[in-house]
Amino acid sequence: MTTGPRRGFGHEDIDKIRKRDDDRGMGRIFKALIYLAILAALGLVGFAYFGDMAPRRIPVSVPVMLNAGE
């Protein structure tokens, strides 16, 4: 009697799949944290560059007539 390939999943196979999925989940978390850190750094650079855009002040004088009806 010859034994062929195993069919179905054993406990060892399920544990391997769970471990692989856990490793991928941690990788996704670290990748998301890296993307957020890069985005925060770009936001900080953008704020430093564009954040100090004070308006130009130009003196404006408008004549006002007081007691015009008297």
PDB file of N, CA and C in Angstrom:
ATOM      1  N   MET A   1       0.855  -1.172   0.000  1.00  0.00           N
ATOM      2  CA  MET A   1       0.000   0.000   0.000  1.00  0.00           C
ATOM      3  C   MET A   1       0.900   1.234   0.000  1.00  0.00           C
ATOM      4  N   THR A   2       0.691   2.117  -0.945  1.00  0.00           N
ATOM      5  CA  THR A   2       1.479   3.348  -1.013  1.00  0.00           C
ATOM      6  C   THR A   2       0.665   4.492  -0.441  1.00  0.00           C
ATOM      7  N   THR A   3       1.369   5.404   0.154  1.00  0.00           N
ATOM      8  CA  THR A   3       0.670   6.560   0.723  1.00  0.00           C
ATOM      9  C   THR A   3       0.813   7.718  -0.248  1.00  0.00           C
ATOM     10  N   GLY A   4      -0.258   8.361  -0.553  1.00  0.00           N
ATOM     11  CA  GLY A   4      -0.255   9.501  -1.461  1.00  0.00           C
ATOM     12  C   GLY A   4      -0.156  10.798  -0.679  1.00  0.00           C
ATOM     13  N   PRO A   5      -0.286  11.906  -1.375  1.00  0.00           N
ATOM     14  CA  PRO A   5      -0.225  13.203  -0.679  1.00  0.00           C
ATOM     15  C   PRO A   5      -1.399  13.350   0.282  1.00  0.00           C
ATOM     16  N   ARG A   6      -1.129  14.038   1.361  1.00  0.00           N
ATOM     17  CA  ARG A   6      -2.187  14.253   2.354  1.00  0.00           C
ATOM     18  C   ARG A   6      -3.250  15.192   1.802  1.00  0.00           C
ATOM     19  N   ARG A   7      -4.431  14.922   2.149  1.00  0.00           N
ATOM     20  CA  ARG A   7      -5.552  15.793   1.767  1.00  0.00           C
ATOM     21  C   ARG A   7      -6.034  16.515   3.015  1.00  0.00           C
ATOM     22  N   GLY A   8      -6.484  17.761   2.855  1.00  0.00           N
ATOM     23  CA  GLY A   8      -7.026  18.500   3.984  1.00  0.00           C
ATOM     24  C   GLY A   8      -5.936  19.177   4.792  1.00  0.00           C
ATOM     25  N   PHE A   9      -6.334  19.825   5.846  1.00  0.00           N
ATOM     26  CA  PHE A   9      -5.414  20.563   6.703  1.00  0.00           C
ATOM     27  C   PHE A   9      -5.271  19.865   8.041  1.00  0.00           C
ATOM     28  N   GLY A  10      -4.047  19.744   8.493  1.00  0.00           N
ATOM     29  CA  GLY A  10      -3.794  19.257   9.835  1.00  0.00           C
ATOM     30  C   GLY A  10      -3.608  20.451  10.753  1.00  0.00           C
ATOM     31  N   HIS A  11      -3.431  20.200  12.022  1.00  0.00           N
ATOM     32  CA  HIS A  11      -3.244  21.275  12.985  1.00  0.00           C
ATOM     33  C   HIS A  11      -1.975  22.070  12.695  1.00  0.00           C
ATOM     34  N   GLU A  12      -0.923  21.357  12.220  1.00  0.00           N
ATOM     35  CA  GLU A  12       0.327  22.051  11.921  1.00  0.00           C
ATOM     36  C   GLU A  12       0.133  23.044  10.783  1.00  0.00           C
ATOM     37  N   ASP A  13      -0.625  22.634   9.767  1.00  0.00           N
ATOM     38  CA  ASP A  13      -0.858  23.505   8.619  1.00  0.00           C
ATOM     39  C   ASP A  13      -1.652  24.741   9.024  1.00  0.00           C
ATOM     40  N   ILE A  14      -2.649  24.569   9.855  1.00  0.00           N
ATOM     41  CA  ILE A  14      -3.471  25.696  10.298  1.00  0.00           C
ATOM     42  C   ILE A  14      -2.637  26.667  11.121  1.00  0.00           C
ATOM     43  N   ASP A  15      -1.764  26.120  11.981  1.00  0.00           N
ATOM     44  CA  ASP A  15      -0.888  26.991  12.772  1.00  0.00           C
ATOM     45  C   ASP A  15       0.063  27.785  11.887  1.00  0.00           C
ATOM     46  N   LYS A  16       0.584  27.163  10.833  1.00  0.00           N
ATOM     47  CA  LYS A  16       1.467  27.869   9.895  1.00  0.00           C
ATOM     48  C   LYS A  16       0.718  29.000   9.199  1.00  0.00           C
ATOM     49  N   ILE A  17      -0.513  28.730   8.777  1.00  0.00           N
ATOM     50  CA  ILE A  17      -1.315  29.759   8.097  1.00  0.00           C
ATOM     51  C   ILE A  17      -1.615  30.906   9.048  1.00  0.00           C
ATOM     52  N   ARG A  18      -1.968  30.606  10.285  1.00  0.00           N
ATOM     53  CA  ARG A  18      -2.246  31.670  11.262  1.00  0.00           C
ATOM     54  C   ARG A  18      -1.005  32.507  11.525  1.00  0.00           C
ATOM     55  N   LYS A  19       0.153  31.862  11.656  1.00  0.00           N
ATOM     56  CA  LYS A  19       1.388  32.594  11.901  1.00  0.00           C
ATOM     57  C   LYS A  19       1.719  33.476  10.702  1.00  0.00           C
ATOM     58  N   ARG A  20       1.548  32.953   9.505  1.00  0.00           N
ATOM     59  CA  ARG A  20       1.826  33.736   8.298  1.00  0.00           C
ATOM     60  C   ARG A  20       0.896  34.951   8.231  1.00  0.00           C
ATOM     61  N   ASP A  21      -0.377  34.758   8.540  1.00  0.00           N
ATOM     62  CA  ASP A  21      -1.321  35.875   8.517  1.00  0.00           C
ATOM     63  C   ASP A  21      -0.988  36.897   9.596  1.00  0.00           C
ATOM     64  N   ASP A  22      -0.538  36.432  10.783  1.00  0.00           N
ATOM     65  CA  ASP A  22      -0.144  37.362  11.843  1.00  0.00           C
ATOM     66  C   ASP A  22       1.070  38.175  11.419  1.00  0.00           C
ATOM     67  N   ASP A  23       2.048  37.526  10.774  1.00  0.00           N
ATOM     68  CA  ASP A  23       3.243  38.236  10.308  1.00  0.00           C
ATOM     69  C   ASP A  23       2.871  39.280   9.267  1.00  0.00           C
ATOM     70  N   ARG A  24       1.968  38.949   8.390  1.00  0.00           N
ATOM     71  CA  ARG A  24       1.540  39.912   7.379  1.00  0.00           C
ATOM     72  C   ARG A  24       0.816  41.093   8.023  1.00  0.00           C
ATOM     73  N   GLY A  25       0.032  40.821   9.052  1.00  0.00           N
ATOM     74  CA  GLY A  25      -0.690  41.884   9.743  1.00  0.00           C
ATOM     75  C   GLY A  25       0.263  42.860  10.405  1.00  0.00           C
ATOM     76  N   MET A  26       1.303  42.343  11.043  1.00  0.00           N
ATOM     77  CA  MET A  26       2.296  43.220  11.671  1.00  0.00           C
ATOM     78  C   MET A  26       3.043  44.017  10.619  1.00  0.00           C
ATOM     79  N   GLY A  27       3.333  43.388   9.489  1.00  0.00           N
ATOM     80  CA  GLY A  27       3.993  44.097   8.394  1.00  0.00           C
ATOM     81  C   GLY A  27       3.125  45.230   7.871  1.00  0.00           C
ATOM     82  N   ARG A  28       1.835  44.978   7.789  1.00  0.00           N
ATOM     83  CA  ARG A  28       0.912  46.023   7.329  1.00  0.00           C
ATOM     84  C   ARG A  28       0.871  47.192   8.300  1.00  0.00           C
ATOM     85  N   ILE A  29       0.915  46.868   9.592  1.00  0.00           N
ATOM     86  CA  ILE A  29       0.893  47.935  10.596  1.00  0.00           C
ATOM     87  C   ILE A  29       2.152  48.785  10.494  1.00  0.00           C
ATOM     88  N   PHE A  30       3.317  48.118  10.376  1.00  0.00           N
ATOM     89  CA  PHE A  30       4.567  48.869  10.266  1.00  0.00           C
ATOM     90  C   PHE A  30       4.613  49.682   8.975  1.00  0.00           C
ATOM     91  N   LYS A  31       4.094  49.125   7.892  1.00  0.00           N
ATOM     92  CA  LYS A  31       4.074  49.844   6.624  1.00  0.00           C
ATOM     93  C   LYS A  31       3.162  51.072   6.739  1.00  0.00           C
ATOM     94  N   ALA A  32       2.028  50.915   7.396  1.00  0.00           N
ATOM     95  CA  ALA A  32       1.116  52.047   7.590  1.00  0.00           C
ATOM     96  C   ALA A  32       1.767  53.121   8.457  1.00  0.00           C
ATOM     97  N   LEU A  33       2.494  52.703   9.504  1.00  0.00           N
ATOM     98  CA  LEU A  33       3.180  53.674  10.363  1.00  0.00           C
ATOM     99  C   LEU A  33       4.261  54.426   9.599  1.00  0.00           C
ATOM    100  N   ILE A  34       4.971  53.736   8.728  1.00  0.00           N
ATOM    101  CA  ILE A  34       6.003  54.397   7.918  1.00  0.00           C
ATOM    102  C   ILE A  34       5.356  55.396   6.972  1.00  0.00           C
ATOM    103  N   TYR A  35       4.260  55.013   6.320  1.00  0.00           N
ATOM    104  CA  TYR A  35       3.563  55.941   5.420  1.00  0.00           C
ATOM    105  C   TYR A  35       3.048  57.166   6.186  1.00  0.00           C
ATOM    106  N   LEU A  36       2.517  56.946   7.384  1.00  0.00           N
ATOM    107  CA  LEU A  36       2.030  58.071   8.175  1.00  0.00           C
ATOM    108  C   LEU A  36       3.173  58.979   8.612  1.00  0.00           C
ATOM    109  N   ALA A  37       4.320  58.401   8.942  1.00  0.00           N
ATOM    110  CA  ALA A  37       5.479  59.218   9.323  1.00  0.00           C
ATOM    111  C   ALA A  37       5.961  60.054   8.137  1.00  0.00           C
ATOM    112  N   ILE A  38       5.987  59.465   6.947  1.00  0.00           N
ATOM    113  CA  ILE A  38       6.385  60.213   5.744  1.00  0.00           C
ATOM    114  C   ILE A  38       5.383  61.316   5.459  1.00  0.00           C
ATOM    115  N   LEU A  39       4.109  61.012   5.588  1.00  0.00           N
ATOM    116  CA  LEU A  39       3.070  62.021   5.354  1.00  0.00           C
ATOM    117  C   LEU A  39       3.171  63.159   6.364  1.00  0.00           C
ATOM    118  N   ALA A  40       3.445  62.826   7.624  1.00  0.00           N
ATOM    119  CA  ALA A  40       3.603  63.859   8.662  1.00  0.00           C
ATOM    120  C   ALA A  40       4.822  64.728   8.364  1.00  0.00           C
ATOM    121  N   ALA A  41       5.915  64.113   7.914  1.00  0.00           N
ATOM    122  CA  ALA A  41       7.116  64.882   7.585  1.00  0.00           C
ATOM    123  C   ALA A  41       6.845  65.821   6.411  1.00  0.00           C
ATOM    124  N   LEU A  42       6.146  65.335   5.402  1.00  0.00           N
ATOM    125  CA  LEU A  42       5.792  66.198   4.261  1.00  0.00           C
ATOM    126  C   LEU A  42       4.863  67.332   4.698  1.00  0.00           C
ATOM    127  N   GLY A  43       3.936  67.037   5.590  1.00  0.00           N
ATOM    128  CA  GLY A  43       3.054  68.081   6.108  1.00  0.00           C
ATOM    129  C   GLY A  43       3.815  69.126   6.893  1.00  0.00           C
ATOM    130  N   LEU A  44       4.791  68.705   7.678  1.00  0.00           N
ATOM    131  CA  LEU A  44       5.608  69.644   8.438  1.00  0.00           C
ATOM    132  C   LEU A  44       6.438  70.531   7.510  1.00  0.00           C
ATOM    133  N   VAL A  45       7.014  69.933   6.478  1.00  0.00           N
ATOM    134  CA  VAL A  45       7.795  70.718   5.508  1.00  0.00           C
ATOM    135  C   VAL A  45       6.884  71.701   4.780  1.00  0.00           C
ATOM    136  N   GLY A  46       5.709  71.251   4.386  1.00  0.00           N
ATOM    137  CA  GLY A  46       4.762  72.145   3.709  1.00  0.00           C
ATOM    138  C   GLY A  46       4.312  73.285   4.599  1.00  0.00           C
ATOM    139  N   PHE A  47       4.058  72.983   5.867  1.00  0.00           N
ATOM    140  CA  PHE A  47       3.650  74.027   6.796  1.00  0.00           C
ATOM    141  C   PHE A  47       4.783  75.024   7.021  1.00  0.00           C
ATOM    142  N   ALA A  48       6.024  74.525   7.115  1.00  0.00           N
ATOM    143  CA  ALA A  48       7.171  75.417   7.309  1.00  0.00           C
ATOM    144  C   ALA A  48       7.356  76.311   6.094  1.00  0.00           C
ATOM    145  N   TYR A  49       7.078  75.783   4.926  1.00  0.00           N
ATOM    146  CA  TYR A  49       7.273  76.563   3.703  1.00  0.00           C
ATOM    147  C   TYR A  49       6.124  77.541   3.473  1.00  0.00           C
ATOM    148  N   PHE A  50       4.903  77.081   3.607  1.00  0.00           N
ATOM    149  CA  PHE A  50       3.738  77.914   3.299  1.00  0.00           C
ATOM    150  C   PHE A  50       3.087  78.537   4.529  1.00  0.00           C
ATOM    151  N   GLY A  51       3.468  78.128   5.713  1.00  0.00           N
ATOM    152  CA  GLY A  51       2.794  78.570   6.925  1.00  0.00           C
ATOM    153  C   GLY A  51       3.026  80.021   7.287  1.00  0.00           C
ATOM    154  N   ASP A  52       4.121  80.616   6.848  1.00  0.00           N
ATOM    155  CA  ASP A  52       4.425  81.997   7.218  1.00  0.00           C
ATOM    156  C   ASP A  52       4.127  82.932   6.058  1.00  0.00           C
ATOM    157  N   MET A  53       2.949  82.794   5.512  1.00  0.00           N
ATOM    158  CA  MET A  53       2.561  83.640   4.381  1.00  0.00           C
ATOM    159  C   MET A  53       1.683  84.773   4.899  1.00  0.00           C
ATOM    160  N   ALA A  54       2.299  85.724   5.597  1.00  0.00           N
ATOM    161  CA  ALA A  54       1.563  86.874   6.125  1.00  0.00           C
ATOM    162  C   ALA A  54       1.166  87.786   4.965  1.00  0.00           C
ATOM    163  N   PRO A  55       0.014  88.381   5.052  1.00  0.00           N
ATOM    164  CA  PRO A  55      -0.406  89.271   3.972  1.00  0.00           C
ATOM    165  C   PRO A  55       0.447  90.545   3.959  1.00  0.00           C
ATOM    166  N   ARG A  56       0.618  91.097   2.782  1.00  0.00           N
ATOM    167  CA  ARG A  56       1.335  92.367   2.661  1.00  0.00           C
ATOM    168  C   ARG A  56       0.417  93.477   3.148  1.00  0.00           C
ATOM    169  N   ARG A  57       0.953  94.304   3.980  1.00  0.00           N
ATOM    170  CA  ARG A  57       0.141  95.384   4.545  1.00  0.00           C
ATOM    171  C   ARG A  57       0.394  96.655   3.761  1.00  0.00           C
ATOM    172  N   ILE A  58      -0.689  97.225   3.287  1.00  0.00           N
ATOM    173  CA  ILE A  58      -0.624  98.473   2.522  1.00  0.00           C
ATOM    174  C   ILE A  58      -1.515  99.478   3.237  1.00  0.00           C
ATOM    175  N   PRO A  59      -0.984 100.632   3.573  1.00  0.00           N
ATOM    176  CA  PRO A  59      -1.838 101.629   4.229  1.00  0.00           C
ATOM    177  C   PRO A  59      -2.912 102.144   3.268  1.00  0.00           C
ATOM    178  N   VAL A  60      -4.127 102.191   3.755  1.00  0.00           N
ATOM    179  CA  VAL A  60      -5.266 102.667   2.961  1.00  0.00           C
ATOM    180  C   VAL A  60      -5.916 103.789   3.734  1.00  0.00           C
ATOM    181  N   SER A  61      -6.122 104.901   3.063  1.00  0.00           N
ATOM    182  CA  SER A  61      -6.815 106.012   3.715  1.00  0.00           C
ATOM    183  C   SER A  61      -8.025 106.387   2.864  1.00  0.00           C
ATOM    184  N   VAL A  62      -9.152 106.508   3.535  1.00  0.00           N
ATOM    185  CA  VAL A  62     -10.405 106.873   2.871  1.00  0.00           C
ATOM    186  C   VAL A  62     -10.945 108.096   3.565  1.00  0.00           C
ATOM    187  N   PRO A  63     -11.207 109.167   2.827  1.00  0.00           N
ATOM    188  CA  PRO A  63     -11.761 110.358   3.466  1.00  0.00           C
ATOM    189  C   PRO A  63     -13.205 110.111   3.926  1.00  0.00           C
ATOM    190  N   VAL A  64     -13.529 110.592   5.105  1.00  0.00           N
ATOM    191  CA  VAL A  64     -14.864 110.426   5.681  1.00  0.00           C
ATOM    192  C   VAL A  64     -15.409 111.821   6.002  1.00  0.00           C
ATOM    193  N   MET A  65     -16.624 112.075   5.528  1.00  0.00           N
ATOM    194  CA  MET A  65     -17.247 113.383   5.814  1.00  0.00           C
ATOM    195  C   MET A  65     -18.120 113.228   7.057  1.00  0.00           C
ATOM    196  N   LEU A  66     -17.809 113.973   8.100  1.00  0.00           N
ATOM    197  CA  LEU A  66     -18.579 113.954   9.334  1.00  0.00           C
ATOM    198  C   LEU A  66     -19.514 115.151   9.356  1.00  0.00           C
ATOM    199  N   ASN A  67     -20.692 114.964   9.883  1.00  0.00           N
ATOM    200  CA  ASN A  67     -21.688 116.041   9.971  1.00  0.00           C
ATOM    201  C   ASN A  67     -21.955 116.655   8.606  1.00  0.00           C
ATOM    202  N   ALA A  68     -22.198 115.826   7.626  1.00  0.00           N
ATOM    203  CA  ALA A  68     -22.384 116.298   6.257  1.00  0.00           C
ATOM    204  C   ALA A  68     -23.721 117.029   6.089  1.00  0.00           C
ATOM    205  N   GLY A  69     -24.695 116.739   6.906  1.00  0.00           N
ATOM    206  CA  GLY A  69     -26.007 117.356   6.740  1.00  0.00           C
ATOM    207  C   GLY A  69     -26.114 118.724   7.394  1.00  0.00           C
ATOM    208  N   GLU A  70     -25.174 119.210   8.145  1.00  0.00           N
ATOM    209  CA  GLU A  70     -25.305 120.478   8.858  1.00  0.00           C
ATOM    210  C   GLU A  70     -24.698 121.593   8.124  1.00  0.00           C
TER     211      GLU A  70
END
